[in-house]
Every structure is written in C-alpha cells, then in structure tokens.
Amino acid sequence: MKILEETQLNRYFLLLSLIIFLNCIHDVYAQEPMVGEQDGMTWRNLVIGTPEESVSRKTFYVDGLYNMSVFWSEHAQLKTDAVNFNDAFMGINVGQIRDGLDSFYVDDRNLHVPIVDAVIIINLQDTHINRSEVDDVIRQFREATINGPDPAREDKIWREALRLLR
C-alpha cells in the first residue's frame, strides 16, 4: 500500500512539474513580440553564449528577416499601394545588415525602432545620401515608435526613405 501511495505522489509531482514547465514556456513565448514589433531590445537579446554564437544567431535572424521580406513583397504585390520592404535589402548583404544593426542599437535612443525599420536606415547609411537626410529618417522613426509601433506613420517614413534609395 505504501508503494502505491509513493507512486501516486511521484505522478502528482511529475504532473505538477510538467504544468509549471509548460506555463514557463508559454510565458517566454507570449512575451516575444511579433516580427514587425521586434526592436533593439530583441536585437540585444540575441547576444547569448560566445561571441561567435551571437554572430551566428544574428546572421540567421537577418537571413530570416530577408526571406520574410521577399515573401511579404511577393504577396503584397496584390495591393498596388503596398510598400515593398524587399527594396530595403537591395545593394546590402546580410553581414552589413547584422553589423549595421549592432552599431545602430548601441544608441539607446534607437531601442524602440523596430528591426525592420532599422534595415532601411542601415541601407541609407551605406549609400551616397547626405548624412543629415539619414539623421532625419532616424529621428522620424524614433518619434513614430517611441510609444509603440505606429504602422501608418512608419509606412509613410518608409515611402520617403525608399525614394531616397532610388
């Protein structure tokens, strides 16, 4: 009889442990913002483990972001007024974007700027465009996102920034 009671207690303990574990997993994933809302804090949180592991993690992130932009652009073509996010990646490679994001998010004022918006800024910084124009785009994104994402305002800034790239 005593063995049966211990077995039941072990089962209850295992079940309780599993429930707590699953709840923790849910909390971790529930706190992760959607891709368009991932910002400098998300980028900084990719620094885990050795420097080499962090570089790999960031490289995979940027590569995934690029693939997402291609997918989005192909499907957004159904809407004639959609912004082509894929244009932000033209003329710049994954390593340049990764290193540019590292530099961009060193400045705490940029932490609320979503990563997808930072990509266009990095591309602008790597072109012939006047630094004051790039600084103006950065300022606009900071103002547009300081209280959380503002898709309509960000879309307008994107259109202006894409005109500068062309």
C-alpha atoms as a PDB file:
ATOM      1  CA  MET A   1       0.000   0.000   0.000  1.00  0.00           C
ATOM      2  CA  LYS A   2       2.837   2.387   0.873  1.00  0.00           C
ATOM      3  CA  ILE A   3       4.474   1.781  -2.533  1.00  0.00           C
ATOM      4  CA  LEU A   4       1.203   2.675  -4.257  1.00  0.00           C
ATOM      5  CA  GLU A   5       0.975   5.955  -2.334  1.00  0.00           C
ATOM      6  CA  GLU A   6       4.575   6.868  -3.230  1.00  0.00           C
ATOM      7  CA  THR A   7       3.901   6.079  -6.885  1.00  0.00           C
ATOM      8  CA  GLN A   8       0.835   8.311  -6.884  1.00  0.00           C
ATOM      9  CA  LEU A   9       2.774  11.109  -5.175  1.00  0.00           C
ATOM     10  CA  ASN A  10       5.522  10.787  -7.767  1.00  0.00           C
ATOM     11  CA  ARG A  11       2.929  11.011 -10.536  1.00  0.00           C
ATOM     12  CA  TYR A  12       1.364  14.102  -8.985  1.00  0.00           C
ATOM     13  CA  PHE A  13       4.782  15.674  -8.568  1.00  0.00           C
ATOM     14  CA  LEU A  14       5.663  14.886 -12.192  1.00  0.00           C
ATOM     15  CA  LEU A  15       2.332  16.268 -13.402  1.00  0.00           C
ATOM     16  CA  LEU A  16       2.746  19.441 -11.336  1.00  0.00           C
ATOM     17  CA  SER A  17       6.309  19.869 -12.626  1.00  0.00           C
ATOM     18  CA  LEU A  18       5.114  19.456 -16.212  1.00  0.00           C
ATOM     19  CA  ILE A  19       2.355  22.032 -15.727  1.00  0.00           C
ATOM     20  CA  ILE A  20       4.827  24.533 -14.259  1.00  0.00           C
ATOM     21  CA  PHE A  21       7.297  23.864 -17.090  1.00  0.00           C
ATOM     22  CA  LEU A  22       4.675  24.326 -19.801  1.00  0.00           C
ATOM     23  CA  ASN A  23       3.450  27.502 -18.141  1.00  0.00           C
ATOM     24  CA  CYS A  24       7.013  28.888 -18.154  1.00  0.00           C
ATOM     25  CA  ILE A  25       7.406  28.054 -21.853  1.00  0.00           C
ATOM     26  CA  HIS A  26       4.110  29.789 -22.594  1.00  0.00           C
ATOM     27  CA  ASP A  27       5.210  32.890 -20.678  1.00  0.00           C
ATOM     28  CA  VAL A  28       8.509  33.079 -22.581  1.00  0.00           C
ATOM     29  CA  TYR A  29       6.844  32.854 -25.977  1.00  0.00           C
ATOM     30  CA  ALA A  30       3.928  35.074 -25.007  1.00  0.00           C
ATOM     31  CA  GLN A  31       6.386  37.876 -24.241  1.00  0.00           C
ATOM     32  CA  GLU A  32       8.163  37.693 -27.613  1.00  0.00           C
ATOM     33  CA  PRO A  33       6.868  40.497 -29.838  1.00  0.00           C
ATOM     34  CA  MET A  34       5.741  39.878 -33.398  1.00  0.00           C
ATOM     35  CA  VAL A  35       8.394  40.365 -36.102  1.00  0.00           C
ATOM     36  CA  GLY A  36       7.270  43.884 -37.043  1.00  0.00           C
ATOM     37  CA  GLU A  37       7.451  44.902 -33.396  1.00  0.00           C
ATOM     38  CA  GLN A  38      10.840  43.351 -32.581  1.00  0.00           C
ATOM     39  CA  ASP A  39      13.183  46.203 -31.781  1.00  0.00           C
ATOM     40  CA  GLY A  40      16.589  46.970 -30.314  1.00  0.00           C
ATOM     41  CA  MET A  41      15.848  45.006 -27.161  1.00  0.00           C
ATOM     42  CA  THR A  42      15.122  41.922 -29.252  1.00  0.00           C
ATOM     43  CA  TRP A  43      18.388  42.525 -31.122  1.00  0.00           C
ATOM     44  CA  ARG A  44      20.368  42.938 -27.907  1.00  0.00           C
ATOM     45  CA  ASN A  45      18.819  39.746 -26.514  1.00  0.00           C
ATOM     46  CA  LEU A  46      20.375  37.769 -29.376  1.00  0.00           C
ATOM     47  CA  VAL A  47      23.723  38.140 -27.604  1.00  0.00           C
ATOM     48  CA  ILE A  48      23.915  34.812 -25.786  1.00  0.00           C
ATOM     49  CA  GLY A  49      26.882  32.484 -25.376  1.00  0.00           C
ATOM     50  CA  THR A  50      30.198  33.062 -27.075  1.00  0.00           C
ATOM     51  CA  PRO A  51      30.761  35.990 -29.464  1.00  0.00           C
ATOM     52  CA  GLU A  52      30.792  33.501 -32.349  1.00  0.00           C
ATOM     53  CA  GLU A  53      27.427  32.062 -31.291  1.00  0.00           C
ATOM     54  CA  SER A  54      25.939  35.561 -31.054  1.00  0.00           C
ATOM     55  CA  VAL A  55      27.211  36.442 -34.537  1.00  0.00           C
ATOM     56  CA  SER A  56      25.695  33.224 -35.908  1.00  0.00           C
ATOM     57  CA  ARG A  57      22.385  33.871 -34.155  1.00  0.00           C
ATOM     58  CA  LYS A  58      22.244  37.420 -35.511  1.00  0.00           C
ATOM     59  CA  THR A  59      23.204  36.267 -39.012  1.00  0.00           C
ATOM     60  CA  PHE A  60      20.408  33.677 -39.025  1.00  0.00           C
ATOM     61  CA  TYR A  61      17.973  36.311 -37.728  1.00  0.00           C
ATOM     62  CA  VAL A  62      18.850  38.753 -40.532  1.00  0.00           C
ATOM     63  CA  ASP A  63      18.697  35.986 -43.135  1.00  0.00           C
ATOM     64  CA  GLY A  64      15.225  35.060 -41.871  1.00  0.00           C
ATOM     65  CA  LEU A  65      14.214  38.709 -41.961  1.00  0.00           C
ATOM     66  CA  TYR A  66      15.355  38.931 -45.577  1.00  0.00           C
ATOM     67  CA  ASN A  67      13.419  35.790 -46.526  1.00  0.00           C
ATOM     68  CA  MET A  68      10.345  37.158 -44.775  1.00  0.00           C
ATOM     69  CA  SER A  69      10.635  40.416 -46.740  1.00  0.00           C
ATOM     70  CA  VAL A  70      10.813  38.526 -50.031  1.00  0.00           C
ATOM     71  CA  PHE A  71       7.746  36.500 -49.071  1.00  0.00           C
ATOM     72  CA  TRP A  72       5.877  39.622 -47.920  1.00  0.00           C
ATOM     73  CA  SER A  73       6.782  41.553 -51.068  1.00  0.00           C
ATOM     74  CA  GLU A  74       5.566  38.775 -53.349  1.00  0.00           C
ATOM     75  CA  HIS A  75       2.207  38.650 -51.580  1.00  0.00           C
ATOM     76  CA  ALA A  76       1.932  42.415 -51.107  1.00  0.00           C
ATOM     77  CA  GLN A  77       2.078  42.909 -54.871  1.00  0.00           C
ATOM     78  CA  LEU A  78      -1.609  42.088 -54.824  1.00  0.00           C
ATOM     79  CA  LYS A  79      -2.094  45.518 -53.240  1.00  0.00           C
ATOM     80  CA  THR A  80      -0.907  48.247 -55.563  1.00  0.00           C
ATOM     81  CA  ASP A  81      -0.163  50.701 -52.758  1.00  0.00           C
ATOM     82  CA  ALA A  82       1.847  48.301 -50.551  1.00  0.00           C
ATOM     83  CA  VAL A  83       5.381  49.248 -49.533  1.00  0.00           C
ATOM     84  CA  ASN A  84       7.966  46.868 -50.964  1.00  0.00           C
ATOM     85  CA  PHE A  85      10.071  46.047 -47.885  1.00  0.00           C
ATOM     86  CA  ASN A  86      12.334  43.919 -50.055  1.00  0.00           C
ATOM     87  CA  ASP A  87      13.786  47.156 -51.510  1.00  0.00           C
ATOM     88  CA  ALA A  88      15.443  47.886 -48.154  1.00  0.00           C
ATOM     89  CA  PHE A  89      17.708  44.864 -48.720  1.00  0.00           C
ATOM     90  CA  MET A  90      18.853  45.843 -52.229  1.00  0.00           C
ATOM     91  CA  GLY A  91      22.573  46.527 -52.534  1.00  0.00           C
ATOM     92  CA  ILE A  92      23.399  45.406 -48.988  1.00  0.00           C
ATOM     93  CA  ASN A  93      24.300  41.958 -47.683  1.00  0.00           C
ATOM     94  CA  VAL A  94      23.409  40.042 -44.528  1.00  0.00           C
ATOM     95  CA  GLY A  95      26.745  40.791 -42.837  1.00  0.00           C
ATOM     96  CA  GLN A  96      26.400  44.527 -43.491  1.00  0.00           C
ATOM     97  CA  ILE A  97      22.890  44.498 -42.046  1.00  0.00           C
ATOM     98  CA  ARG A  98      23.956  42.463 -38.997  1.00  0.00           C
ATOM     99  CA  ASP A  99      26.903  44.756 -38.261  1.00  0.00           C
ATOM    100  CA  GLY A 100      24.804  47.825 -39.006  1.00  0.00           C
ATOM    101  CA  LEU A 101      22.145  46.716 -36.519  1.00  0.00           C
ATOM    102  CA  ASP A 102      24.858  46.253 -33.900  1.00  0.00           C
ATOM    103  CA  SER A 103      26.028  49.830 -34.483  1.00  0.00           C
ATOM    104  CA  PHE A 104      22.525  51.276 -34.704  1.00  0.00           C
ATOM    105  CA  TYR A 105      21.327  49.781 -31.417  1.00  0.00           C
ATOM    106  CA  VAL A 106      24.382  50.935 -29.458  1.00  0.00           C
ATOM    107  CA  ASP A 107      22.498  54.244 -29.230  1.00  0.00           C
ATOM    108  CA  ASP A 108      19.769  53.734 -26.611  1.00  0.00           C
ATOM    109  CA  ARG A 109      17.575  56.308 -28.385  1.00  0.00           C
ATOM    110  CA  ASN A 110      17.139  53.743 -31.172  1.00  0.00           C
ATOM    111  CA  LEU A 111      15.947  50.864 -28.995  1.00  0.00           C
ATOM    112  CA  HIS A 112      12.254  51.394 -29.815  1.00  0.00           C
ATOM    113  CA  VAL A 113      12.836  51.458 -33.574  1.00  0.00           C
ATOM    114  CA  PRO A 114      11.719  48.079 -34.970  1.00  0.00           C
ATOM    115  CA  ILE A 115      14.427  45.992 -36.603  1.00  0.00           C
ATOM    116  CA  VAL A 116      12.576  46.014 -39.936  1.00  0.00           C
ATOM    117  CA  ASP A 117      12.693  49.830 -39.882  1.00  0.00           C
ATOM    118  CA  ALA A 118      16.358  49.850 -38.866  1.00  0.00           C
ATOM    119  CA  VAL A 119      17.246  47.866 -42.011  1.00  0.00           C
ATOM    120  CA  ILE A 120      16.237  50.743 -44.287  1.00  0.00           C
ATOM    121  CA  ILE A 121      18.261  53.124 -42.118  1.00  0.00           C
ATOM    122  CA  ILE A 122      21.333  50.900 -42.413  1.00  0.00           C
ATOM    123  CA  ASN A 123      20.921  50.785 -46.160  1.00  0.00           C
ATOM    124  CA  LEU A 124      20.624  54.585 -46.255  1.00  0.00           C
ATOM    125  CA  GLN A 125      23.789  54.923 -44.158  1.00  0.00           C
ATOM    126  CA  ASP A 126      25.728  52.794 -46.665  1.00  0.00           C
ATOM    127  CA  THR A 127      24.849  54.996 -49.653  1.00  0.00           C
ATOM    128  CA  HIS A 128      25.786  58.386 -51.044  1.00  0.00           C
ATOM    129  CA  ILE A 129      22.840  60.025 -49.271  1.00  0.00           C
ATOM    130  CA  ASN A 130      23.595  63.121 -47.223  1.00  0.00           C
ATOM    131  CA  ARG A 131      24.072  62.292 -43.524  1.00  0.00           C
ATOM    132  CA  SER A 132      21.539  64.952 -42.485  1.00  0.00           C
ATOM    133  CA  GLU A 133      18.845  63.237 -44.558  1.00  0.00           C
ATOM    134  CA  VAL A 134      19.654  59.889 -42.934  1.00  0.00           C
ATOM    135  CA  ASP A 135      19.577  61.519 -39.489  1.00  0.00           C
ATOM    136  CA  ASP A 136      16.154  62.952 -40.330  1.00  0.00           C
ATOM    137  CA  VAL A 137      14.830  59.465 -41.193  1.00  0.00           C
ATOM    138  CA  ILE A 138      16.249  58.130 -37.911  1.00  0.00           C
ATOM    139  CA  ARG A 139      14.586  60.970 -35.995  1.00  0.00           C
ATOM    140  CA  GLN A 140      11.249  60.271 -37.700  1.00  0.00           C
ATOM    141  CA  PHE A 141      11.383  56.560 -36.861  1.00  0.00           C
ATOM    142  CA  ARG A 142      12.297  57.349 -33.247  1.00  0.00           C
ATOM    143  CA  GLU A 143       9.345  59.708 -32.929  1.00  0.00           C
ATOM    144  CA  ALA A 144       6.970  57.296 -34.683  1.00  0.00           C
ATOM    145  CA  THR A 145       7.824  54.361 -32.426  1.00  0.00           C
ATOM    146  CA  ILE A 146       8.568  55.881 -29.020  1.00  0.00           C
ATOM    147  CA  ASN A 147       5.109  54.917 -27.715  1.00  0.00           C
ATOM    148  CA  GLY A 148       4.898  51.635 -29.597  1.00  0.00           C
ATOM    149  CA  PRO A 149       4.578  50.847 -33.300  1.00  0.00           C
ATOM    150  CA  ASP A 150       2.606  53.256 -35.471  1.00  0.00           C
ATOM    151  CA  PRO A 151       2.208  51.350 -38.777  1.00  0.00           C
ATOM    152  CA  ALA A 152       0.615  54.201 -40.737  1.00  0.00           C
ATOM    153  CA  ARG A 153       3.317  56.670 -39.768  1.00  0.00           C
ATOM    154  CA  GLU A 154       6.093  54.123 -40.301  1.00  0.00           C
ATOM    155  CA  ASP A 155       4.678  53.308 -43.748  1.00  0.00           C
ATOM    156  CA  LYS A 156       4.929  56.996 -44.686  1.00  0.00           C
ATOM    157  CA  ILE A 157       8.542  57.162 -43.476  1.00  0.00           C
ATOM    158  CA  TRP A 158       9.342  54.001 -45.446  1.00  0.00           C
ATOM    159  CA  ARG A 159       7.998  55.539 -48.638  1.00  0.00           C
ATOM    160  CA  GLU A 160      10.149  58.625 -48.160  1.00  0.00           C
ATOM    161  CA  ALA A 161      13.238  56.553 -47.318  1.00  0.00           C
ATOM    162  CA  LEU A 162      12.755  54.290 -50.339  1.00  0.00           C
ATOM    163  CA  ARG A 163      12.607  57.365 -52.571  1.00  0.00           C
ATOM    164  CA  LEU A 164      15.995  58.390 -51.181  1.00  0.00           C
ATOM    165  CA  LEU A 165      17.442  54.969 -52.065  1.00  0.00           C
ATOM    166  CA  ARG A 166      16.314  55.109 -55.657  1.00  0.00           C
END
